Amino acid sequence: MNKKALIIVDYNKDFVAADGKLTCGKPGQDIDDNIAKIVEEFSKNGDFIFNTCDNHTEDDIYNPEHRMFPAHCICGTSGRELYGNTGKAVSKVKPEQLIQIEKWRLSAFAGTNLDIKLREREIRDIYLVGVCSDICVMHTAIDAYNLGYNIYVYKNGIASFNSEGHAFALNHFENTLGATIVN
């Protein structure tokens, strides 16, 4: 049987909630129920769910995100919590199916043990949801491509604050990375 994993990229309050520190706003909020349903499906099927979240400190002057974006997903703040119904769905996932990945860069693979955790579980097929399509989701997909994973992206499970960037990302996933876009 081909094992698969859902990777939730940065679907946190700071990136999605109206008062989030670096929110993509309504586009991100509009996919909440879709992601929650996808989480429930993966959970019911016994598949793995990886929740990735930025983990920053306010004084990390060496992180390039610190220079480019407002402080966000600061360690110990509620901004790191999963947003809305997605958070509720993830809270019901069996502990043996849920893997938390703390990240410090745009890609969920950069400087983390995500690749090791996927390979330990013999997972080759990864399904991506989250925000932002053209930033962290894209960088995660690019690294997944370079590591040889089969990539699937839920069209109704990703969003960005930038509609042009979102459209570019969808095109890039499919036509450059060979990802399958799941409707």
N, C-alpha and C. Protein backbone atom coordinates (compact mmCIF):
# COMPACT_ATOMS: atom_id res chain seq x y z
N MET A 1 0.84 -1.20 0.00
CA MET A 1 0.00 0.00 0.00
C MET A 1 0.88 1.25 0.00
N ASN A 2 0.50 2.19 -0.83
CA ASN A 2 1.26 3.43 -0.94
C ASN A 2 0.89 4.36 0.21
N LYS A 3 1.85 4.67 1.06
CA LYS A 3 1.59 5.55 2.19
C LYS A 3 1.63 7.00 1.73
N LYS A 4 0.81 7.81 2.39
CA LYS A 4 0.77 9.22 2.04
C LYS A 4 0.68 10.08 3.29
N ALA A 5 1.00 11.35 3.11
CA ALA A 5 0.96 12.28 4.23
C ALA A 5 0.39 13.61 3.79
N LEU A 6 -0.39 14.19 4.67
CA LEU A 6 -0.88 15.55 4.49
C LEU A 6 0.10 16.46 5.23
N ILE A 7 0.56 17.48 4.54
CA ILE A 7 1.43 18.47 5.18
C ILE A 7 0.67 19.80 5.22
N ILE A 8 0.38 20.23 6.44
CA ILE A 8 -0.29 21.51 6.66
C ILE A 8 0.80 22.56 6.84
N VAL A 9 0.85 23.51 5.91
CA VAL A 9 1.91 24.52 5.94
C VAL A 9 1.37 25.83 6.52
N ASP A 10 1.84 26.16 7.70
CA ASP A 10 1.61 27.48 8.32
C ASP A 10 0.16 27.92 8.42
N TYR A 11 -0.75 26.99 8.66
CA TYR A 11 -2.15 27.40 8.78
C TYR A 11 -2.42 27.83 10.23
N ASN A 12 -1.76 28.90 10.60
CA ASN A 12 -1.78 29.39 11.97
C ASN A 12 -2.47 30.74 12.08
N LYS A 13 -2.87 31.08 13.29
CA LYS A 13 -3.59 32.33 13.52
C LYS A 13 -2.85 33.55 12.99
N ASP A 14 -1.54 33.61 13.18
CA ASP A 14 -0.81 34.78 12.70
C ASP A 14 -0.87 34.93 11.18
N PHE A 15 -1.08 33.84 10.46
CA PHE A 15 -1.14 33.90 9.00
C PHE A 15 -2.56 33.94 8.46
N VAL A 16 -3.56 33.64 9.30
CA VAL A 16 -4.92 33.49 8.78
C VAL A 16 -5.94 34.39 9.49
N ALA A 17 -5.88 34.51 10.78
CA ALA A 17 -6.88 35.28 11.54
C ALA A 17 -6.88 36.75 11.11
N ALA A 18 -8.03 37.39 11.24
CA ALA A 18 -8.16 38.80 10.87
C ALA A 18 -7.14 39.67 11.61
N ASP A 19 -6.84 39.31 12.84
CA ASP A 19 -5.88 40.09 13.63
C ASP A 19 -4.49 39.46 13.66
N GLY A 20 -4.22 38.54 12.74
CA GLY A 20 -2.91 37.88 12.68
C GLY A 20 -1.80 38.86 12.34
N LYS A 21 -0.62 38.58 12.81
CA LYS A 21 0.52 39.48 12.62
C LYS A 21 0.96 39.60 11.16
N LEU A 22 0.70 38.56 10.36
CA LEU A 22 1.10 38.55 8.94
C LEU A 22 0.02 37.79 8.15
N THR A 23 -1.20 38.26 8.32
CA THR A 23 -2.35 37.51 7.82
C THR A 23 -2.54 37.62 6.31
N CYS A 24 -3.01 36.54 5.72
CA CYS A 24 -3.45 36.60 4.33
C CYS A 24 -4.95 36.86 4.29
N GLY A 25 -5.58 36.95 5.45
CA GLY A 25 -6.96 37.39 5.57
C GLY A 25 -7.99 36.45 4.98
N LYS A 26 -8.98 37.05 4.32
CA LYS A 26 -10.14 36.31 3.83
C LYS A 26 -9.77 35.12 2.94
N PRO A 27 -8.84 35.23 2.00
CA PRO A 27 -8.51 34.04 1.20
C PRO A 27 -8.08 32.85 2.07
N GLY A 28 -7.32 33.11 3.12
CA GLY A 28 -6.90 32.05 4.02
C GLY A 28 -8.04 31.53 4.88
N GLN A 29 -8.91 32.43 5.32
CA GLN A 29 -10.05 32.04 6.14
C GLN A 29 -11.05 31.21 5.35
N ASP A 30 -11.17 31.51 4.06
CA ASP A 30 -12.14 30.83 3.20
C ASP A 30 -11.82 29.35 2.97
N ILE A 31 -10.60 28.93 3.21
CA ILE A 31 -10.24 27.52 2.98
C ILE A 31 -10.26 26.69 4.26
N ASP A 32 -10.64 27.29 5.36
CA ASP A 32 -10.61 26.60 6.66
C ASP A 32 -11.43 25.32 6.67
N ASP A 33 -12.68 25.38 6.25
CA ASP A 33 -13.52 24.18 6.27
C ASP A 33 -12.99 23.12 5.31
N ASN A 34 -12.44 23.55 4.18
CA ASN A 34 -11.86 22.59 3.23
C ASN A 34 -10.70 21.83 3.86
N ILE A 35 -9.80 22.56 4.51
CA ILE A 35 -8.65 21.90 5.13
C ILE A 35 -9.12 20.98 6.26
N ALA A 36 -10.08 21.44 7.05
CA ALA A 36 -10.59 20.61 8.15
C ALA A 36 -11.13 19.29 7.61
N LYS A 37 -11.87 19.32 6.51
CA LYS A 37 -12.41 18.09 5.91
C LYS A 37 -11.30 17.19 5.40
N ILE A 38 -10.27 17.78 4.81
CA ILE A 38 -9.13 17.00 4.32
C ILE A 38 -8.42 16.33 5.49
N VAL A 39 -8.23 17.06 6.58
CA VAL A 39 -7.61 16.49 7.79
C VAL A 39 -8.45 15.31 8.28
N GLU A 40 -9.75 15.48 8.35
CA GLU A 40 -10.62 14.40 8.82
C GLU A 40 -10.52 13.17 7.92
N GLU A 41 -10.43 13.38 6.61
CA GLU A 41 -10.30 12.27 5.66
C GLU A 41 -8.98 11.52 5.87
N PHE A 42 -7.89 12.25 5.97
CA PHE A 42 -6.59 11.62 6.18
C PHE A 42 -6.57 10.87 7.51
N SER A 43 -7.14 11.48 8.53
CA SER A 43 -7.19 10.85 9.85
C SER A 43 -7.99 9.55 9.80
N LYS A 44 -9.17 9.61 9.19
CA LYS A 44 -10.04 8.44 9.09
C LYS A 44 -9.36 7.29 8.32
N ASN A 45 -8.57 7.64 7.31
CA ASN A 45 -7.89 6.64 6.49
C ASN A 45 -6.61 6.10 7.13
N GLY A 46 -6.24 6.63 8.29
CA GLY A 46 -5.04 6.16 8.97
C GLY A 46 -3.75 6.74 8.41
N ASP A 47 -3.86 7.79 7.59
CA ASP A 47 -2.67 8.42 7.01
C ASP A 47 -2.04 9.38 8.01
N PHE A 48 -0.85 9.84 7.69
CA PHE A 48 -0.12 10.74 8.57
C PHE A 48 -0.45 12.19 8.25
N ILE A 49 -0.43 13.01 9.28
CA ILE A 49 -0.66 14.44 9.14
C ILE A 49 0.51 15.15 9.81
N PHE A 50 1.17 15.98 9.01
CA PHE A 50 2.30 16.77 9.51
C PHE A 50 1.85 18.21 9.61
N ASN A 51 1.90 18.77 10.80
CA ASN A 51 1.56 20.17 11.00
C ASN A 51 2.86 20.96 11.11
N THR A 52 3.09 21.84 10.15
CA THR A 52 4.32 22.65 10.17
C THR A 52 3.96 24.07 10.58
N CYS A 53 4.81 24.65 11.39
CA CYS A 53 4.54 26.00 11.89
C CYS A 53 5.84 26.75 12.10
N ASP A 54 5.85 28.01 11.67
CA ASP A 54 6.98 28.88 11.97
C ASP A 54 7.17 28.95 13.49
N ASN A 55 8.42 29.07 13.90
CA ASN A 55 8.75 29.16 15.31
C ASN A 55 9.86 30.20 15.44
N HIS A 56 9.47 31.44 15.66
CA HIS A 56 10.43 32.54 15.67
C HIS A 56 10.57 33.15 17.07
N THR A 57 11.65 33.88 17.24
CA THR A 57 11.82 34.74 18.41
C THR A 57 11.90 36.17 17.89
N GLU A 58 11.46 37.10 18.69
CA GLU A 58 11.44 38.50 18.24
C GLU A 58 12.82 39.05 17.96
N ASP A 59 13.82 38.54 18.62
CA ASP A 59 15.16 39.12 18.52
C ASP A 59 16.11 38.34 17.61
N ASP A 60 15.57 37.47 16.74
CA ASP A 60 16.43 36.68 15.85
C ASP A 60 16.84 37.52 14.64
N ILE A 61 17.89 38.29 14.80
CA ILE A 61 18.33 39.19 13.73
C ILE A 61 18.99 38.45 12.57
N TYR A 62 19.26 37.17 12.73
CA TYR A 62 19.92 36.41 11.67
C TYR A 62 18.93 35.70 10.74
N ASN A 63 17.70 35.66 11.11
CA ASN A 63 16.69 35.04 10.25
C ASN A 63 16.25 36.07 9.21
N PRO A 64 16.36 35.73 7.91
CA PRO A 64 15.99 36.70 6.88
C PRO A 64 14.53 37.12 6.94
N GLU A 65 13.65 36.26 7.46
CA GLU A 65 12.25 36.64 7.60
C GLU A 65 12.10 37.83 8.55
N HIS A 66 12.98 37.90 9.54
CA HIS A 66 12.95 38.99 10.53
C HIS A 66 13.14 40.33 9.83
N ARG A 67 13.96 40.35 8.79
CA ARG A 67 14.24 41.59 8.08
C ARG A 67 13.17 41.93 7.04
N MET A 68 12.43 40.92 6.58
CA MET A 68 11.50 41.13 5.48
C MET A 68 10.04 41.28 5.91
N PHE A 69 9.68 40.67 7.04
CA PHE A 69 8.28 40.62 7.45
C PHE A 69 8.13 41.06 8.90
N PRO A 70 6.93 41.50 9.28
CA PRO A 70 6.69 41.80 10.70
C PRO A 70 6.89 40.54 11.54
N ALA A 71 7.20 40.75 12.81
CA ALA A 71 7.36 39.60 13.72
C ALA A 71 6.08 38.78 13.71
N HIS A 72 6.23 37.45 13.58
CA HIS A 72 5.07 36.56 13.50
C HIS A 72 5.45 35.20 14.06
N CYS A 73 4.43 34.46 14.47
CA CYS A 73 4.61 33.11 15.02
C CYS A 73 5.73 33.07 16.06
N ILE A 74 5.66 34.01 16.97
CA ILE A 74 6.66 34.12 18.03
C ILE A 74 6.43 33.00 19.04
N CYS A 75 7.50 32.32 19.39
CA CYS A 75 7.46 31.22 20.34
C CYS A 75 6.67 31.62 21.58
N GLY A 76 5.71 30.78 21.97
CA GLY A 76 4.92 31.02 23.17
C GLY A 76 3.70 31.89 22.98
N THR A 77 3.42 32.33 21.74
CA THR A 77 2.25 33.18 21.52
C THR A 77 1.11 32.39 20.88
N SER A 78 -0.09 32.93 20.99
CA SER A 78 -1.26 32.27 20.39
C SER A 78 -1.23 32.34 18.87
N GLY A 79 -0.41 33.20 18.30
CA GLY A 79 -0.30 33.30 16.85
C GLY A 79 0.19 32.02 16.19
N ARG A 80 0.79 31.14 16.97
CA ARG A 80 1.29 29.86 16.44
C ARG A 80 0.22 28.78 16.43
N GLU A 81 -0.91 29.02 17.06
CA GLU A 81 -1.97 28.01 17.14
C GLU A 81 -2.62 27.83 15.77
N LEU A 82 -3.03 26.59 15.49
CA LEU A 82 -3.77 26.34 14.27
C LEU A 82 -5.06 27.14 14.26
N TYR A 83 -5.46 27.56 13.08
CA TYR A 83 -6.63 28.41 12.92
C TYR A 83 -7.93 27.59 12.83
N GLY A 84 -8.97 28.09 13.45
CA GLY A 84 -10.35 27.68 13.26
C GLY A 84 -10.68 26.20 13.30
N ASN A 85 -11.53 25.79 12.35
CA ASN A 85 -11.98 24.40 12.29
C ASN A 85 -10.85 23.44 11.95
N THR A 86 -9.84 23.94 11.28
CA THR A 86 -8.66 23.10 11.02
C THR A 86 -8.01 22.72 12.34
N GLY A 87 -7.87 23.68 13.23
CA GLY A 87 -7.30 23.39 14.55
C GLY A 87 -8.13 22.37 15.31
N LYS A 88 -9.45 22.50 15.21
CA LYS A 88 -10.34 21.55 15.89
C LYS A 88 -10.19 20.15 15.29
N ALA A 89 -10.10 20.07 13.97
CA ALA A 89 -9.95 18.76 13.30
C ALA A 89 -8.62 18.11 13.67
N VAL A 90 -7.56 18.90 13.69
CA VAL A 90 -6.24 18.36 14.04
C VAL A 90 -6.22 17.88 15.48
N SER A 91 -6.94 18.56 16.36
CA SER A 91 -6.94 18.16 17.78
C SER A 91 -7.56 16.79 17.98
N LYS A 92 -8.32 16.29 17.01
CA LYS A 92 -8.96 14.98 17.10
C LYS A 92 -8.15 13.86 16.44
N VAL A 93 -7.02 14.21 15.82
CA VAL A 93 -6.18 13.21 15.15
C VAL A 93 -5.46 12.38 16.21
N LYS A 94 -5.39 11.07 15.97
CA LYS A 94 -4.68 10.18 16.89
C LYS A 94 -3.21 10.61 16.98
N PRO A 95 -2.65 10.61 18.19
CA PRO A 95 -1.27 11.07 18.36
C PRO A 95 -0.26 10.35 17.46
N GLU A 96 -0.47 9.07 17.19
CA GLU A 96 0.48 8.33 16.36
C GLU A 96 0.40 8.72 14.89
N GLN A 97 -0.62 9.46 14.50
CA GLN A 97 -0.77 9.92 13.12
C GLN A 97 -0.31 11.36 12.93
N LEU A 98 -0.09 12.09 14.01
CA LEU A 98 0.19 13.52 13.95
C LEU A 98 1.65 13.80 14.31
N ILE A 99 2.31 14.51 13.42
CA ILE A 99 3.72 14.89 13.64
C ILE A 99 3.81 16.40 13.54
N GLN A 100 4.36 17.02 14.57
CA GLN A 100 4.55 18.48 14.60
C GLN A 100 5.95 18.81 14.10
N ILE A 101 6.05 19.73 13.16
CA ILE A 101 7.33 20.16 12.63
C ILE A 101 7.49 21.66 12.87
N GLU A 102 8.49 22.03 13.65
CA GLU A 102 8.80 23.44 13.89
C GLU A 102 9.74 23.88 12.77
N LYS A 103 9.43 25.03 12.15
CA LYS A 103 10.27 25.50 11.06
C LYS A 103 10.71 26.94 11.29
N TRP A 104 11.84 27.27 10.67
CA TRP A 104 12.44 28.59 10.87
C TRP A 104 12.64 29.33 9.56
N ARG A 105 12.36 28.67 8.46
CA ARG A 105 12.52 29.26 7.14
C ARG A 105 11.24 29.05 6.33
N LEU A 106 11.24 29.50 5.10
CA LEU A 106 10.04 29.40 4.27
C LEU A 106 9.64 27.96 4.01
N SER A 107 10.59 27.10 3.69
CA SER A 107 10.28 25.70 3.41
C SER A 107 10.16 24.89 4.70
N ALA A 108 9.19 23.99 4.73
CA ALA A 108 9.04 23.09 5.89
C ALA A 108 10.17 22.07 5.94
N PHE A 109 10.97 21.96 4.88
CA PHE A 109 12.09 21.02 4.86
C PHE A 109 13.39 21.68 5.34
N ALA A 110 13.52 22.99 5.19
CA ALA A 110 14.78 23.69 5.48
C ALA A 110 15.11 23.66 6.96
N GLY A 111 16.15 22.92 7.31
CA GLY A 111 16.62 22.88 8.69
C GLY A 111 15.74 22.10 9.65
N THR A 112 14.82 21.28 9.12
CA THR A 112 13.92 20.50 9.98
C THR A 112 14.16 19.00 9.75
N ASN A 113 13.46 18.19 10.50
CA ASN A 113 13.56 16.73 10.32
C ASN A 113 12.38 16.18 9.51
N LEU A 114 11.72 17.03 8.74
CA LEU A 114 10.56 16.59 7.96
C LEU A 114 10.92 15.46 7.00
N ASP A 115 12.00 15.60 6.25
CA ASP A 115 12.39 14.55 5.29
C ASP A 115 12.66 13.23 6.01
N ILE A 116 13.35 13.28 7.13
CA ILE A 116 13.63 12.06 7.90
C ILE A 116 12.34 11.41 8.38
N LYS A 117 11.44 12.21 8.93
CA LYS A 117 10.17 11.67 9.44
C LYS A 117 9.34 11.04 8.32
N LEU A 118 9.33 11.65 7.14
CA LEU A 118 8.61 11.07 6.01
C LEU A 118 9.25 9.76 5.56
N ARG A 119 10.56 9.73 5.45
CA ARG A 119 11.26 8.53 5.00
C ARG A 119 11.15 7.39 6.01
N GLU A 120 11.18 7.71 7.31
CA GLU A 120 11.00 6.68 8.35
C GLU A 120 9.67 5.96 8.17
N ARG A 121 8.68 6.68 7.71
CA ARG A 121 7.34 6.14 7.54
C ARG A 121 7.10 5.63 6.11
N GLU A 122 8.17 5.65 5.30
CA GLU A 122 8.15 5.17 3.91
C GLU A 122 7.11 5.89 3.08
N ILE A 123 7.00 7.19 3.30
CA ILE A 123 6.04 8.01 2.57
C ILE A 123 6.73 8.63 1.36
N ARG A 124 6.10 8.48 0.20
CA ARG A 124 6.60 9.08 -1.04
C ARG A 124 5.61 10.12 -1.58
N ASP A 125 4.33 10.00 -1.18
CA ASP A 125 3.30 10.89 -1.68
C ASP A 125 2.93 11.91 -0.61
N ILE A 126 3.14 13.19 -0.94
CA ILE A 126 2.79 14.24 0.01
C ILE A 126 1.72 15.15 -0.58
N TYR A 127 0.78 15.52 0.26
CA TYR A 127 -0.34 16.37 -0.10
C TYR A 127 -0.22 17.67 0.68
N LEU A 128 -0.24 18.79 -0.03
CA LEU A 128 -0.01 20.08 0.60
C LEU A 128 -1.28 20.91 0.72
N VAL A 129 -1.44 21.53 1.88
CA VAL A 129 -2.46 22.54 2.13
C VAL A 129 -1.82 23.64 2.97
N GLY A 130 -2.45 24.81 3.00
CA GLY A 130 -1.97 25.87 3.87
C GLY A 130 -1.75 27.20 3.17
N VAL A 131 -0.96 28.03 3.81
CA VAL A 131 -0.67 29.37 3.31
C VAL A 131 0.83 29.67 3.47
N CYS A 132 1.29 30.54 2.74
CA CYS A 132 0.77 31.18 1.55
C CYS A 132 1.23 30.38 0.33
N SER A 133 0.32 30.23 -0.62
CA SER A 133 0.57 29.43 -1.82
C SER A 133 1.90 29.75 -2.47
N ASP A 134 2.17 31.04 -2.60
CA ASP A 134 3.34 31.51 -3.35
C ASP A 134 4.56 31.77 -2.47
N ILE A 135 4.47 31.42 -1.20
CA ILE A 135 5.64 31.61 -0.32
C ILE A 135 5.97 30.26 0.32
N CYS A 136 5.48 30.00 1.50
CA CYS A 136 5.89 28.80 2.23
C CYS A 136 5.41 27.50 1.59
N VAL A 137 4.19 27.49 1.03
CA VAL A 137 3.73 26.27 0.37
C VAL A 137 4.60 26.00 -0.85
N MET A 138 4.90 27.04 -1.63
CA MET A 138 5.73 26.85 -2.82
C MET A 138 7.15 26.40 -2.47
N HIS A 139 7.76 27.02 -1.49
CA HIS A 139 9.12 26.63 -1.12
C HIS A 139 9.16 25.20 -0.58
N THR A 140 8.13 24.81 0.13
CA THR A 140 8.03 23.42 0.61
C THR A 140 7.90 22.48 -0.58
N ALA A 141 7.08 22.83 -1.55
CA ALA A 141 6.89 22.00 -2.75
C ALA A 141 8.19 21.89 -3.55
N ILE A 142 8.92 22.97 -3.68
CA ILE A 142 10.18 22.94 -4.42
C ILE A 142 11.17 22.00 -3.75
N ASP A 143 11.28 22.08 -2.43
CA ASP A 143 12.19 21.17 -1.73
C ASP A 143 11.70 19.72 -1.84
N ALA A 144 10.40 19.51 -1.78
CA ALA A 144 9.85 18.15 -1.94
C ALA A 144 10.21 17.61 -3.33
N TYR A 145 10.09 18.43 -4.33
CA TYR A 145 10.46 18.05 -5.70
C TYR A 145 11.94 17.65 -5.75
N ASN A 146 12.79 18.49 -5.19
CA ASN A 146 14.23 18.21 -5.20
C ASN A 146 14.60 16.96 -4.42
N LEU A 147 13.76 16.58 -3.45
CA LEU A 147 14.00 15.36 -2.66
C LEU A 147 13.32 14.13 -3.25
N GLY A 148 12.60 14.31 -4.35
CA GLY A 148 12.02 13.18 -5.07
C GLY A 148 10.64 12.72 -4.62
N TYR A 149 9.92 13.55 -3.91
CA TYR A 149 8.57 13.18 -3.48
C TYR A 149 7.56 13.37 -4.61
N ASN A 150 6.49 12.61 -4.58
CA ASN A 150 5.34 12.83 -5.45
C ASN A 150 4.49 13.88 -4.75
N ILE A 151 4.19 14.95 -5.46
CA ILE A 151 3.55 16.11 -4.84
C ILE A 151 2.12 16.26 -5.35
N TYR A 152 1.22 16.46 -4.39
CA TYR A 152 -0.19 16.73 -4.67
C TYR A 152 -0.54 18.01 -3.92
N VAL A 153 -1.23 18.92 -4.58
CA VAL A 153 -1.61 20.18 -3.96
C VAL A 153 -3.13 20.33 -4.06
N TYR A 154 -3.77 20.52 -2.92
CA TYR A 154 -5.21 20.75 -2.91
C TYR A 154 -5.49 22.20 -3.33
N LYS A 155 -6.10 22.36 -4.49
CA LYS A 155 -6.41 23.69 -5.01
C LYS A 155 -7.29 24.47 -4.04
N ASN A 156 -8.24 23.78 -3.40
CA ASN A 156 -9.15 24.44 -2.46
C ASN A 156 -8.61 24.40 -1.03
N GLY A 157 -7.32 24.07 -0.88
CA GLY A 157 -6.70 23.99 0.44
C GLY A 157 -5.49 24.89 0.59
N ILE A 158 -5.27 25.77 -0.41
CA ILE A 158 -4.16 26.73 -0.32
C ILE A 158 -4.68 28.12 -0.64
N ALA A 159 -4.00 29.14 -0.12
CA ALA A 159 -4.41 30.52 -0.35
C ALA A 159 -3.22 31.45 -0.14
N SER A 160 -3.40 32.68 -0.61
CA SER A 160 -2.39 33.72 -0.43
C SER A 160 -3.08 35.07 -0.35
N PHE A 161 -2.38 36.04 0.18
CA PHE A 161 -2.87 37.42 0.20
C PHE A 161 -2.69 38.07 -1.17
N ASN A 162 -1.96 37.39 -2.06
CA ASN A 162 -1.62 37.92 -3.37
C ASN A 162 -2.23 37.02 -4.45
N SER A 163 -3.32 37.47 -5.08
CA SER A 163 -4.01 36.62 -6.06
C SER A 163 -3.14 36.29 -7.26
N GLU A 164 -2.30 37.22 -7.70
CA GLU A 164 -1.39 36.94 -8.82
C GLU A 164 -0.33 35.91 -8.41
N GLY A 165 0.19 36.05 -7.21
CA GLY A 165 1.15 35.08 -6.71
C GLY A 165 0.53 33.70 -6.55
N HIS A 166 -0.72 33.65 -6.12
CA HIS A 166 -1.45 32.39 -5.97
C HIS A 166 -1.60 31.70 -7.32
N ALA A 167 -2.00 32.46 -8.34
CA ALA A 167 -2.15 31.89 -9.69
C ALA A 167 -0.81 31.40 -10.21
N PHE A 168 0.25 32.17 -9.99
CA PHE A 168 1.58 31.75 -10.41
C PHE A 168 1.96 30.44 -9.71
N ALA A 169 1.70 30.36 -8.42
CA ALA A 169 2.06 29.17 -7.65
C ALA A 169 1.35 27.94 -8.20
N LEU A 170 0.06 28.03 -8.46
CA LEU A 170 -0.67 26.89 -9.01
C LEU A 170 -0.06 26.43 -10.32
N ASN A 171 0.26 27.37 -11.19
CA ASN A 171 0.90 27.05 -12.46
C ASN A 171 2.26 26.40 -12.24
N HIS A 172 3.04 26.96 -11.32
CA HIS A 172 4.38 26.45 -11.04
C HIS A 172 4.32 25.03 -10.46
N PHE A 173 3.41 24.80 -9.54
CA PHE A 173 3.26 23.46 -8.96
C PHE A 173 3.07 22.43 -10.07
N GLU A 174 2.14 22.72 -10.96
CA GLU A 174 1.75 21.74 -11.98
C GLU A 174 2.75 21.66 -13.13
N ASN A 175 3.15 22.81 -13.67
CA ASN A 175 3.92 22.82 -14.91
C ASN A 175 5.43 22.87 -14.74
N THR A 176 5.91 23.14 -13.56
CA THR A 176 7.35 23.13 -13.33
C THR A 176 7.75 22.00 -12.39
N LEU A 177 6.95 21.75 -11.36
CA LEU A 177 7.28 20.72 -10.38
C LEU A 177 6.59 19.39 -10.68
N GLY A 178 5.67 19.38 -11.63
CA GLY A 178 4.97 18.15 -11.97
C GLY A 178 4.01 17.69 -10.91
N ALA A 179 3.56 18.61 -10.06
CA ALA A 179 2.60 18.25 -9.01
C ALA A 179 1.23 18.00 -9.61
N THR A 180 0.48 17.18 -8.94
CA THR A 180 -0.91 16.95 -9.30
C THR A 180 -1.76 17.92 -8.50
N ILE A 181 -2.58 18.69 -9.20
CA ILE A 181 -3.49 19.61 -8.52
C ILE A 181 -4.78 18.84 -8.24
N VAL A 182 -5.15 18.77 -6.97
CA VAL A 182 -6.34 18.04 -6.54
C VAL A 182 -7.45 19.04 -6.36
N ASN A 183 -8.57 18.82 -7.05
CA ASN A 183 -9.72 19.74 -6.95
C ASN A 183 -10.65 19.32 -5.84
